[in-house]
Protein backbone atom coordinates (compact mmCIF):
# COMPACT_ATOMS: atom_id res chain seq x y z
CA MET A 1 -66.60 108.12 8.99
CA SER A 2 -66.14 106.73 12.55
CA GLU A 3 -64.33 109.90 13.66
CA LYS A 4 -67.36 111.97 12.71
CA ILE A 5 -69.79 109.51 14.26
CA ASN A 6 -68.17 109.90 17.69
CA ASP A 7 -68.05 113.69 17.40
CA LYS A 8 -71.51 114.67 18.62
CA GLN A 9 -72.87 117.90 17.17
CA TYR A 10 -76.27 119.49 17.72
CA VAL A 11 -78.02 122.23 15.79
CA MET A 12 -81.15 124.07 16.87
CA GLY A 13 -82.01 127.05 14.72
CA PHE A 14 -78.83 129.11 14.38
CA THR A 15 -77.35 127.58 17.51
CA TRP A 16 -74.62 124.98 17.22
CA ALA A 17 -73.44 123.03 20.25
CA GLY A 18 -70.93 120.25 20.28
CA TYR A 19 -67.31 119.23 20.50
CA ARG A 20 -64.38 120.41 18.44
CA ASN A 21 -60.70 119.71 19.11
CA GLY A 22 -61.64 118.21 22.45
CA ARG A 23 -63.50 121.33 23.64
CA ARG A 24 -67.23 121.72 24.20
CA PHE A 25 -69.13 124.64 22.72
CA PRO A 26 -70.59 127.14 23.41
CA LEU A 27 -67.41 128.07 25.23
CA LEU A 28 -66.22 130.74 27.65
CA ILE A 29 -62.55 131.58 27.02
CA ASN A 30 -60.31 132.14 30.02
CA THR A 31 -58.24 135.09 28.81
CA PHE A 32 -55.54 134.27 31.37
CA SER A 33 -54.97 130.76 30.03
CA ASN A 34 -53.41 129.05 27.02
CA ASP A 35 -56.73 129.54 25.21
CA TYR A 36 -55.82 133.20 24.78
CA LYS A 37 -52.13 133.85 24.10
CA ASN A 38 -50.55 137.20 23.34
CA ASP A 39 -47.14 137.72 21.81
CA LYS A 40 -45.39 140.47 19.91
CA ASP A 41 -46.79 139.80 16.45
CA SER A 42 -49.93 137.72 16.98
CA ILE A 43 -52.79 136.66 19.21
CA GLU A 44 -53.57 132.96 19.50
CA ILE A 45 -57.18 132.06 20.34
CA LEU A 46 -58.08 128.42 20.87
CA GLY A 47 -54.99 127.41 18.93
CA GLU A 48 -55.66 129.67 15.93
CA LYS A 49 -53.30 132.58 15.29
CA PHE A 50 -54.37 136.06 14.22
CA SER A 51 -52.06 138.90 13.22
CA ARG A 52 -51.72 141.62 15.80
CA LYS A 53 -52.82 145.02 14.50
CA ILE A 54 -55.08 147.91 15.42
CA TYR A 55 -58.75 147.43 14.55
CA TYR A 56 -60.81 150.59 14.50
CA PRO A 57 -64.46 150.88 15.58
CA SER A 58 -66.96 150.53 12.77
CA PHE A 59 -68.01 154.17 13.01
CA LEU A 60 -64.43 155.07 11.99
CA GLY A 61 -64.68 152.83 8.97
CA GLY A 62 -62.84 149.89 10.48
CA GLU A 63 -63.35 146.21 9.84
CA LYS A 64 -66.08 144.56 11.83
CA VAL A 65 -64.78 140.99 11.84
CA ILE A 66 -61.52 139.11 11.79
CA GLU A 67 -61.82 135.92 9.77
CA GLY A 68 -59.89 132.81 10.71
CA ASN A 69 -59.95 129.24 9.46
CA GLU A 70 -62.42 128.02 12.07
CA MET A 71 -63.87 131.16 13.60
CA VAL A 72 -65.02 134.67 12.83
CA ILE A 73 -64.20 137.22 15.53
CA ILE A 74 -66.70 140.02 16.03
CA TYR A 75 -64.26 142.31 17.77
CA ASN A 76 -66.50 145.33 18.41
CA GLY A 77 -68.99 143.51 20.63
CA LEU A 78 -69.04 146.24 23.28
CA GLU A 79 -69.94 148.79 20.61
CA LEU A 80 -72.61 146.65 18.96
CA ILE A 81 -74.37 145.56 22.16
CA GLN A 82 -75.32 149.18 22.82
CA ARG A 83 -77.54 149.03 19.75
CA PRO A 84 -79.18 145.58 19.74
CA ALA A 85 -80.95 146.09 16.40
CA ARG A 86 -77.60 146.77 14.77
CA LEU A 87 -75.99 143.79 16.51
CA ILE A 88 -78.68 141.39 15.28
CA ALA A 89 -78.59 142.79 11.75
CA PHE A 90 -74.83 142.32 11.65
CA ILE A 91 -74.97 138.74 12.96
CA MET A 92 -77.66 137.90 10.39
CA GLU A 93 -75.40 139.29 7.65
CA LEU A 94 -72.57 137.09 8.87
CA ARG A 95 -74.86 134.08 9.02
CA LYS A 96 -75.95 134.67 5.44
CA LYS A 97 -72.29 134.82 4.36
CA TYR A 98 -70.79 132.01 6.42
CA GLY A 99 -73.77 129.81 7.20
CA PHE A 100 -72.65 127.11 9.63
CA LYS A 101 -69.11 126.86 8.26
CA LYS A 102 -67.41 128.89 10.99
CA MET A 103 -67.85 129.54 14.70
CA PHE A 104 -68.75 133.07 15.80
CA TYR A 105 -66.77 134.69 18.63
CA LEU A 106 -68.30 137.85 20.11
CA GLN A 107 -65.51 139.62 21.99
CA GLY A 108 -66.05 141.43 25.27
CA ILE A 109 -69.64 140.36 25.96
CA SER A 110 -70.16 137.62 28.54
CA ASP A 111 -72.96 139.00 30.69
CA PRO A 112 -74.46 135.64 31.77
CA TYR A 113 -78.01 136.95 31.37
CA LEU A 114 -77.28 137.65 27.70
CA LEU A 115 -75.56 134.33 26.96
CA PRO A 116 -78.77 132.39 26.09
CA VAL A 117 -80.15 134.94 23.65
CA LEU A 118 -76.72 135.54 22.08
CA SER A 119 -76.30 131.78 21.64
CA TYR A 120 -79.79 131.75 20.12
CA LEU A 121 -78.49 134.24 17.53
CA GLY A 122 -75.63 131.85 16.74
CA ILE A 123 -72.72 133.03 18.90
CA ASN A 124 -70.51 130.07 19.88
CA ILE A 125 -67.57 131.64 21.72
CA PHE A 126 -67.43 134.22 24.52
CA ASP A 127 -64.58 135.50 26.68
CA ASP A 128 -64.41 136.37 30.37
CA LEU A 129 -63.30 140.02 30.04
CA TYR A 130 -66.72 141.45 30.94
CA ILE A 131 -67.05 139.07 33.90
CA ARG A 132 -63.63 140.10 35.20
CA LYS A 133 -64.57 143.77 34.98
CA GLU A 134 -67.86 143.34 36.88
CA SER A 135 -66.23 141.08 39.47
CA GLN A 136 -63.67 143.80 40.18
CA GLU A 137 -66.65 146.06 40.91
CA ASN A 138 -67.87 143.46 43.48
CA LEU A 139 -70.93 142.49 41.42
CA LYS A 140 -72.08 138.91 41.93
CA TYR A 141 -74.35 136.98 39.57
CA THR A 142 -77.37 135.15 40.98
CA VAL A 143 -80.44 133.49 39.52
CA ALA A 144 -82.39 136.66 40.34
CA GLY A 145 -79.87 139.07 38.81
CA LYS A 146 -76.76 140.95 39.89
CA THR A 147 -76.14 141.91 43.50
CA LYS A 148 -73.44 143.96 45.26
CA VAL A 149 -71.09 142.11 47.63
CA ASP A 150 -68.03 143.16 49.66
CA TYR A 151 -65.47 141.01 47.83
CA ASN A 152 -64.35 140.07 44.32
CA PRO A 153 -66.61 137.14 43.30
CA LEU A 154 -64.71 136.27 40.10
CA GLU A 155 -64.53 132.51 40.68
CA GLU A 156 -68.24 132.30 41.56
CA ASN A 157 -69.20 134.46 38.59
CA ILE A 158 -67.17 132.33 36.18
CA LYS A 159 -68.88 129.20 37.52
CA PHE A 160 -72.28 130.88 37.17
CA ALA A 161 -71.61 131.83 33.53
CA GLU A 162 -70.30 128.35 32.76
CA SER A 163 -73.42 126.81 34.31
CA ILE A 164 -75.50 128.93 31.92
CA LEU A 165 -73.42 127.65 29.00
CA ASP A 166 -73.91 124.08 30.28
CA SER A 167 -77.67 124.67 30.20
CA ILE A 168 -77.42 126.07 26.68
CA PHE A 169 -75.50 123.01 25.49
CA LEU A 170 -78.02 120.61 27.00
CA ALA A 171 -81.01 122.62 25.76
CA THR A 172 -79.58 122.70 22.22
CA ARG A 173 -79.05 118.95 22.39
CA ASP A 174 -82.55 118.35 23.75
CA GLY A 175 -84.39 120.85 21.53
CA THR A 176 -85.50 123.10 24.41
CA LEU A 177 -83.26 126.12 23.84
CA ARG A 178 -86.14 128.53 23.30
CA GLU A 179 -87.46 127.76 26.80
CA ILE A 180 -84.03 128.56 28.28
CA VAL A 181 -83.85 131.81 26.32
CA GLU A 182 -87.26 132.95 27.60
CA LYS A 183 -86.60 131.87 31.19
CA ILE A 184 -83.24 133.64 31.48
CA ALA A 185 -84.25 136.79 29.57
CA ILE A 186 -84.53 138.69 32.85
CA SER A 187 -82.67 141.76 31.61
CA GLY A 188 -84.20 144.45 29.45
CA LYS A 189 -81.40 144.04 26.93
CA ALA A 190 -82.03 140.30 26.55
CA LEU A 191 -85.76 140.85 26.01
CA GLU A 192 -85.05 143.61 23.49
CA ILE A 193 -82.76 141.32 21.51
CA LEU A 194 -85.28 138.47 21.58
CA ARG A 195 -88.18 140.65 20.48
CA ILE A 196 -86.20 142.16 17.61
CA ALA A 197 -85.12 138.70 16.48
CA ASP A 198 -88.70 137.39 16.62
CA THR A 199 -90.34 140.29 14.80
CA LYS A 200 -87.78 141.63 12.32
CA TYR A 201 -86.04 138.36 11.50
CA TYR A 202 -88.92 135.91 11.55
CA ASN A 203 -88.15 134.67 8.02
CA GLU A 204 -84.53 133.92 8.86
CA PHE A 205 -85.35 132.07 12.07
CA SER A 206 -88.36 130.19 10.68
CA GLN A 207 -86.16 128.70 7.95
CA VAL A 208 -83.86 127.03 10.47
CA PHE A 209 -86.00 126.51 13.59
CA PRO A 210 -87.01 122.84 14.08
CA SER A 211 -90.38 121.80 12.72
CA ARG A 212 -91.08 120.34 16.16
CA THR A 213 -89.54 120.33 19.63
CA PRO A 214 -90.18 118.04 22.63
CA TYR A 215 -92.59 120.57 24.15
CA ILE A 216 -93.51 124.24 24.28
CA GLN A 217 -93.68 125.85 27.71
CA ALA A 218 -95.62 129.01 26.82
CA ASN A 219 -95.23 130.81 30.14
CA SER A 220 -94.65 134.32 28.82
CA ILE A 221 -96.02 136.63 26.16
CA GLU A 222 -92.72 136.13 24.29
CA SER A 223 -93.93 132.64 23.35
CA LEU A 224 -96.49 134.22 21.01
CA ASN A 225 -93.71 135.02 18.57
CA ARG A 226 -91.68 131.83 18.75
CA PRO A 227 -90.60 131.00 15.18
CA ASP A 228 -92.34 127.60 15.20
CA ILE A 229 -95.61 128.97 16.58
CA ALA A 230 -95.63 131.99 14.26
CA TYR A 231 -94.84 129.67 11.34
CA TYR A 232 -97.76 127.42 12.28
CA ARG A 233 -100.18 130.36 12.48
CA ASN A 234 -99.06 131.62 9.09
CA LYS A 235 -99.73 128.18 7.61
CA ILE A 236 -103.16 128.02 9.27
CA ALA A 237 -104.05 131.40 7.76
CA GLU A 238 -103.57 129.71 4.35
CA TYR A 239 -104.88 126.29 5.37
CA THR A 240 -107.41 124.52 3.16
CA LYS A 241 -110.06 122.62 5.10
CA PRO A 242 -110.73 118.94 4.38
CA GLU A 243 -113.12 118.26 1.54
CA HIS A 244 -116.77 117.68 2.52
CA ARG A 245 -116.43 119.40 5.92
CA ASN A 246 -118.73 122.34 5.22
CA ILE A 247 -120.07 123.22 8.68
CA ALA A 248 -117.59 124.89 11.03
CA LEU A 249 -117.88 124.39 14.78
CA LEU A 250 -115.60 126.59 16.88
CA LEU A 251 -114.75 125.24 20.33
CA PRO A 252 -112.57 126.37 23.26
CA CYS A 253 -109.26 124.72 24.06
CA SER A 254 -108.46 122.53 27.05
CA ALA A 255 -105.44 122.04 29.28
CA LYS A 256 -105.21 118.35 28.37
CA LYS A 257 -103.82 117.46 24.96
CA PRO A 258 -104.95 116.29 22.55
CA TYR A 259 -108.12 118.27 23.18
CA SER A 260 -110.41 115.37 22.35
CA ASP A 261 -109.01 113.45 25.35
CA SER A 262 -110.00 116.19 27.81
CA LYS A 263 -113.08 115.87 30.02
CA THR A 264 -114.50 119.07 28.53
CA HIS A 265 -114.27 117.95 24.92
CA LYS A 266 -115.37 114.40 25.71
CA LYS A 267 -118.55 115.73 27.29
CA ILE A 268 -119.29 118.13 24.43
CA LEU A 269 -118.58 115.53 21.76
CA ALA A 270 -120.65 112.88 23.52
CA GLY A 271 -123.64 115.20 23.21
CA ILE A 272 -123.22 115.78 19.46
CA TRP A 273 -121.59 112.52 18.32
CA GLN A 274 -124.15 111.82 15.60
CA TYR A 275 -123.37 115.10 13.82
CA ARG A 276 -119.55 115.09 13.94
CA ARG A 277 -118.90 113.68 10.48
CA TYR A 278 -120.65 116.73 9.01
CA LEU A 279 -118.59 119.18 11.06
CA HIS A 280 -115.20 120.80 10.83
CA GLU A 281 -114.22 121.32 14.44
CA LEU A 282 -111.90 124.28 15.07
CA ILE A 283 -110.33 124.84 18.49
CA VAL A 284 -109.60 128.46 19.47
CA THR A 285 -106.55 128.86 21.69
CA SER A 286 -103.33 130.69 22.47
CA PRO A 287 -100.49 130.81 21.56
CA VAL A 288 -101.21 128.71 18.46
CA GLY A 289 -104.44 130.53 17.58
CA LEU A 290 -106.62 128.00 15.77
CA VAL A 291 -106.38 124.22 15.57
CA PRO A 292 -108.46 122.21 13.09
CA ARG A 293 -109.44 118.95 14.78
CA GLU A 294 -107.50 116.86 12.26
CA LEU A 295 -104.29 118.64 13.32
CA GLU A 296 -104.75 118.26 17.08
CA ASN A 297 -102.26 115.39 17.35
CA GLY A 298 -99.60 117.36 15.53
CA TYR A 299 -97.11 120.03 16.41
CA PRO A 300 -97.53 122.49 18.03
CA ALA A 301 -101.15 121.73 19.05
CA ARG A 302 -100.41 118.64 21.13
CA PHE A 303 -97.12 119.86 22.56
CA TYR A 304 -97.75 123.23 24.18
CA ASP A 305 -98.61 124.08 27.75
CA ILE A 306 -99.92 127.46 28.87
CA PRO A 307 -101.14 128.74 32.25
CA VAL A 308 -104.95 128.73 32.22
CA ILE A 309 -106.36 131.69 34.16
CA GLY A 310 -109.63 132.40 32.35
CA THR A 311 -108.50 135.70 30.86
CA TRP A 312 -106.49 136.63 27.78
CA TYR A 313 -103.80 139.24 27.21
CA GLU A 314 -104.72 141.86 24.63
CA ASP A 315 -101.94 140.60 22.35
CA GLU A 316 -103.48 137.13 22.48
CA LYS A 317 -106.93 138.47 21.63
CA VAL A 318 -105.62 140.39 18.64
CA MET A 319 -103.70 137.34 17.43
CA MET A 320 -106.71 135.01 17.68
CA LYS A 321 -109.10 137.49 16.04
CA ASN A 322 -106.71 138.15 13.16
CA LEU A 323 -106.07 134.47 12.56
CA ILE A 324 -109.75 133.52 12.63
CA SER A 325 -110.53 136.35 10.24
CA SER A 326 -107.78 135.29 7.80
CA TYR A 327 -108.80 131.66 8.00
CA MET A 328 -112.48 132.40 7.33
CA LYS A 329 -111.57 134.45 4.26
CA LYS A 330 -109.65 131.46 2.90
CA ASN A 331 -112.31 128.82 3.66
CA ASN A 332 -116.01 128.88 2.85
CA TYR A 333 -118.55 127.12 5.06
CA SER A 334 -122.28 126.73 4.57
CA GLU A 335 -122.74 127.34 8.32
CA ILE A 336 -120.50 128.59 11.11
CA ILE A 337 -121.34 127.79 14.73
CA ALA A 338 -119.33 129.01 17.72
CA TYR A 339 -119.77 127.15 21.00
CA ILE A 340 -117.68 129.24 23.37
CA PRO A 341 -117.33 130.38 26.99
CA GLU A 342 -117.73 134.04 27.89
CA ASP A 343 -113.98 134.68 27.89
CA LEU A 344 -113.92 134.01 24.12
CA ASP A 345 -116.70 136.48 23.38
CA PHE A 346 -114.18 138.74 21.64
CA ILE A 347 -113.96 136.39 18.62
CA ARG A 348 -117.50 137.38 17.56
CA GLU A 349 -116.20 140.27 15.48
CA SER A 350 -113.98 137.90 13.48
CA LEU A 351 -116.87 135.66 12.41
CA PRO A 352 -119.21 136.22 9.45
CA GLU A 353 -122.44 138.05 10.31
CA ASN A 354 -124.68 135.01 9.89
CA SER A 355 -122.68 132.87 12.35
CA LYS A 356 -124.59 131.15 15.14
CA ILE A 357 -123.12 131.69 18.59
CA ILE A 358 -123.89 129.76 21.76
CA GLU A 359 -122.11 131.34 24.70
CA GLY A 360 -121.85 130.14 28.28
CA ARG A 361 -120.40 127.33 30.35
CA VAL A 362 -119.51 124.78 27.69
CA THR A 363 -119.91 121.72 29.94
CA ASP A 364 -123.42 122.73 31.03
CA ASP A 365 -125.93 120.06 29.99
CA GLY A 366 -128.43 122.69 28.88
CA ASN A 367 -125.90 124.43 26.65
CA ILE A 368 -124.80 121.15 25.10
CA ALA A 369 -128.47 120.38 24.40
CA LYS A 370 -128.80 123.80 22.70
CA LEU A 371 -125.79 123.00 20.53
CA ALA A 372 -127.24 119.62 19.58
CA SER A 373 -130.54 121.28 18.69
CA VAL A 374 -128.83 123.87 16.48
CA LEU A 375 -126.89 121.13 14.71
CA LYS A 376 -130.05 119.08 14.20
CA ASP A 377 -131.75 122.06 12.55
CA THR A 378 -128.66 122.86 10.47
CA ILE A 379 -127.81 119.44 9.10
CA THR A 380 -130.12 118.03 6.44
CA GLY A 381 -130.26 114.88 4.40
CA ASP A 382 -128.40 116.69 1.64
CA SER A 383 -125.50 117.75 3.88
CA GLU A 384 -122.13 116.39 2.81
CA TYR A 385 -120.08 114.44 5.30
CA ALA A 386 -116.37 113.77 5.47
CA LYS A 387 -114.38 110.58 5.81
CA LYS A 388 -111.11 110.04 7.63
CA LEU A 389 -109.36 109.94 4.28
CA ASP A 390 -110.44 113.53 3.61
CA ASP A 391 -108.79 114.61 6.85
CA TYR A 392 -105.61 112.72 6.00
CA ARG A 393 -105.35 114.41 2.61
CA ALA A 394 -105.61 117.77 4.39
CA ILE A 395 -102.85 116.75 6.82
CA LEU A 396 -100.57 115.72 3.96
CA ARG A 397 -101.16 119.04 2.21
CA PHE A 398 -100.37 120.85 5.47
CA GLN A 399 -97.24 118.78 6.09
CA PHE A 400 -95.69 118.77 2.62
CA GLY A 401 -97.42 121.42 0.53
CA GLU A 402 -99.95 121.76 -2.28
CA TRP A 403 -97.67 119.93 -4.74
CA ILE A 404 -98.46 116.58 -3.06
CA MET A 405 -102.20 116.68 -3.84
CA PRO A 406 -102.14 115.21 -7.40
CA TYR A 407 -100.51 112.08 -5.97
CA LEU A 408 -103.37 111.52 -3.51
CA SER A 409 -106.36 111.21 -5.83
CA LYS A 410 -106.46 107.39 -5.83
CA ILE A 411 -105.24 106.57 -2.35
CA LYS A 412 -107.13 104.32 0.05
CA LEU A 413 -106.98 104.01 3.82
CA ILE A 414 -106.09 100.76 5.55
CA ASN A 415 -105.20 99.90 9.13
CA SER A 416 -102.47 97.40 9.84
CA PHE A 417 -101.15 96.58 13.31
CA HIS A 418 -103.22 99.45 14.73
CA GLN A 419 -101.55 101.93 12.37
CA ASP A 420 -103.28 103.89 9.61
CA MET A 421 -101.65 103.66 6.20
CA LEU A 422 -102.43 105.23 2.84
CA VAL A 423 -102.08 102.87 -0.09
CA GLU A 424 -102.51 102.78 -3.85
CA ASP A 425 -102.67 99.56 -5.86
CA GLY A 426 -101.56 97.65 -2.78
CA LYS A 427 -98.44 99.78 -2.29
CA ILE A 428 -97.98 101.68 0.98
CA LEU A 429 -97.37 105.37 0.30
CA PHE A 430 -97.63 106.97 3.74
CA VAL A 431 -97.81 105.76 7.34
CA TYR A 432 -99.55 107.91 9.96
CA ASN A 433 -97.75 108.44 13.26
CA GLU A 434 -100.51 109.39 15.70
CA SER A 435 -98.09 110.33 18.49
CA ILE A 436 -96.81 113.30 16.48
CA GLY A 437 -99.70 113.76 14.04
CA ARG A 438 -97.55 113.36 10.93
CA PHE A 439 -97.06 111.00 8.04
CA SER A 440 -93.88 109.08 7.32
CA ILE A 441 -92.58 108.77 3.78
CA THR A 442 -92.11 105.26 2.35
CA HIS A 443 -90.00 104.03 -0.55
CA GLU A 444 -93.04 104.22 -2.81
CA SER A 445 -93.96 107.82 -1.98
CA GLY A 446 -90.28 108.77 -1.82
CA LYS A 447 -90.31 108.79 -5.61
CA PHE A 448 -92.75 111.71 -5.56
CA PHE A 449 -90.34 113.76 -3.47
CA MET A 450 -87.40 112.89 -5.69
CA GLU A 451 -89.33 113.80 -8.86
CA ASN A 452 -90.34 117.19 -7.42
CA ASN A 453 -87.05 117.82 -5.57
CA LYS A 454 -88.87 118.33 -2.28
CA PHE A 455 -87.45 117.50 1.17
CA ASN A 456 -84.53 115.97 -0.70
CA VAL A 457 -81.10 115.28 0.80
CA SER A 458 -78.50 114.53 -1.86
CA ILE A 459 -75.86 112.17 -0.47
CA GLU A 460 -72.60 110.63 -1.63
CA ASP A 461 -72.59 107.18 -3.22
CA PHE A 462 -73.35 104.93 -0.24
CA ASN A 463 -76.27 103.04 1.26
CA PRO A 464 -77.55 104.93 4.32
CA THR A 465 -77.97 102.97 7.54
CA SER A 466 -78.83 104.27 11.01
CA SER A 467 -77.63 107.86 10.47
CA VAL A 468 -76.29 110.00 7.65
CA TYR A 469 -73.61 112.42 8.76
CA ALA A 470 -73.10 115.89 7.39
CA MET A 471 -69.77 114.95 5.82
CA GLY A 472 -71.65 112.56 3.50
CA ILE A 473 -74.14 115.15 2.22
CA ARG A 474 -73.67 116.89 -1.12
CA ASP A 475 -76.74 119.14 -1.11
CA ALA A 476 -80.18 119.56 0.47
CA THR A 477 -83.32 121.39 -0.61
CA THR A 478 -84.05 124.58 1.29
CA ASP A 479 -87.46 123.38 2.54
CA ILE A 480 -85.84 121.08 5.11
CA LYS A 481 -85.88 121.82 8.84
CA ALA A 482 -84.86 119.60 11.71
CA PHE A 483 -87.38 116.76 12.26
CA ASP A 484 -88.93 117.06 8.81
CA GLU A 485 -89.51 113.89 6.84
CA VAL A 486 -86.92 113.61 4.06
CA VAL A 487 -85.74 111.38 1.25
CA MET A 488 -82.08 110.64 0.53
CA THR A 489 -80.98 110.43 -3.08
CA TYR A 490 -77.85 109.87 -5.10
CA GLY A 491 -78.31 111.31 -8.56
CA ASN A 492 -81.56 109.84 -9.84
CA GLU A 493 -81.56 107.00 -7.32
CA LEU A 494 -83.66 106.93 -4.17
CA ARG A 495 -81.35 105.72 -1.41
CA GLY A 496 -83.54 106.01 1.68
CA THR A 497 -86.07 107.84 3.82
CA GLY A 498 -85.73 109.32 7.27
CA THR A 499 -85.98 112.31 9.57
CA ALA A 500 -83.80 115.41 9.32
CA LEU A 501 -81.79 116.30 12.42
CA MET A 502 -80.66 119.75 11.27
CA PRO A 503 -81.77 122.41 8.76
CA SER A 504 -80.63 122.10 5.16
CA ARG A 505 -78.02 124.89 5.34
CA ALA A 506 -76.31 123.17 8.26
CA MET A 507 -76.35 119.84 6.41
CA VAL A 508 -74.49 121.39 3.50
CA ASP A 509 -72.09 123.61 5.48
CA MET A 510 -71.03 121.30 8.30
CA ASP A 511 -68.78 118.26 8.14
CA HIS A 512 -69.60 117.11 11.66
CA GLY A 513 -72.68 115.61 13.25
CA ALA A 514 -75.64 113.42 12.36
CA ALA A 515 -77.82 115.17 9.78
CA VAL A 516 -80.48 112.53 9.04
CA LYS A 517 -81.83 109.68 11.13
CA VAL A 518 -82.42 106.90 8.63
CA ARG A 519 -85.68 105.00 8.86
CA SER A 520 -85.22 102.84 5.81
CA GLY A 521 -82.44 102.50 3.28
CA VAL A 522 -82.74 101.30 -0.30
CA LYS A 523 -80.08 98.90 -1.47
CA LYS A 524 -78.52 99.43 -4.86
């Protein structure tokens, strides 16, 4: 077990980064070194031998991969890169077959501006053949692209490519790979690959992309289709509002997160404080679309940053209108009120005809007074009002799924050491973590997850402490993504609770790396 503990491995989506046999991946092979040996009958790559023979291009009916013990070689990289849609489809087929069991080596493609997006697809190994070719043509790589020089810049180009791979390793470790991919996608080919992956393979990526990352730097339109953001919007389209919140109030977003801490929201809310328990506040924004107030501390609402310029791209407008429309079809309100600035006027067409709209500068005292007056006329003595517990039930449904609701009918809310907890018969079931807007599973509620086989990591017969490594995992339910709350079980025994550090497929396939950070173990 200690050998695995010291062997640090990181998984983000389909990307694996880490150490194997003393080498760090993703890796650029020097084809003029011992990493790449040629002899009469075989080729040795990173210590693994492959038989030497002629491999024909796929259009001539040849094989597309060479399978080794530790790696799969995609030998027709130069052919596939000319048709990005075909390349991605092929890599997704390989991923379905091999999962995280083998490393993927894409031969002949090491354009440094493609390395991030290819790593994002799951490629672990590259070679320097392409770099050598371009260096012979006196092309030098820079942060702004390729430039022509009057010498062979091979050494500089190799260092540049390796610096990109260093950034990929660190970003995979730190959970910020998507930001690197978007920043370095300065070539048309890289953008094409990213857009195809986001749109045509959303399901595949959403199953493995972390349920949260340290932050979202939404600086480009590509961020609209990030797997985590698209996944969130799809869940909001099916979201069920908290019970007893029957009057919807749509509000604009703010640069400061959570929104309620911003000067804008503080001023608005101070003017309508006496009506808030009757309201369901909905914040309209991009790239996440719509944020119910009870979810504002969660991911991605609290963790994204976007340039605020007072105008919206057409793609953003379409996204917000479609999401609001879908959400309103799912949820019924007795009244809908939109308190919005002029730049959000376009959402009118997504609201029911009888909606009340107050448009203008939202921090204007007169407009806030108008809003308060409308609320006063709308809310009556018979109006239902919500409690914090209603919001927490909605958060639990959003976090874990509809199946959890029957277990929440008798829960009560307590606060201990400035932390909200949900209890039943004196037993703590869930603990709310305000910093990430999520609930932690306890030993008592862990039984629910074990009974329903949800967010369940099946481990070998040991008592988990600190971390559970992939080598000790027997199986894992497919609903698990990195940073999800999970239970650990052995047979019918609950052995612990914690936080996943990789998606379920990686837990099962890999025998390296920490898979679960243990919060609490259960002794036999």
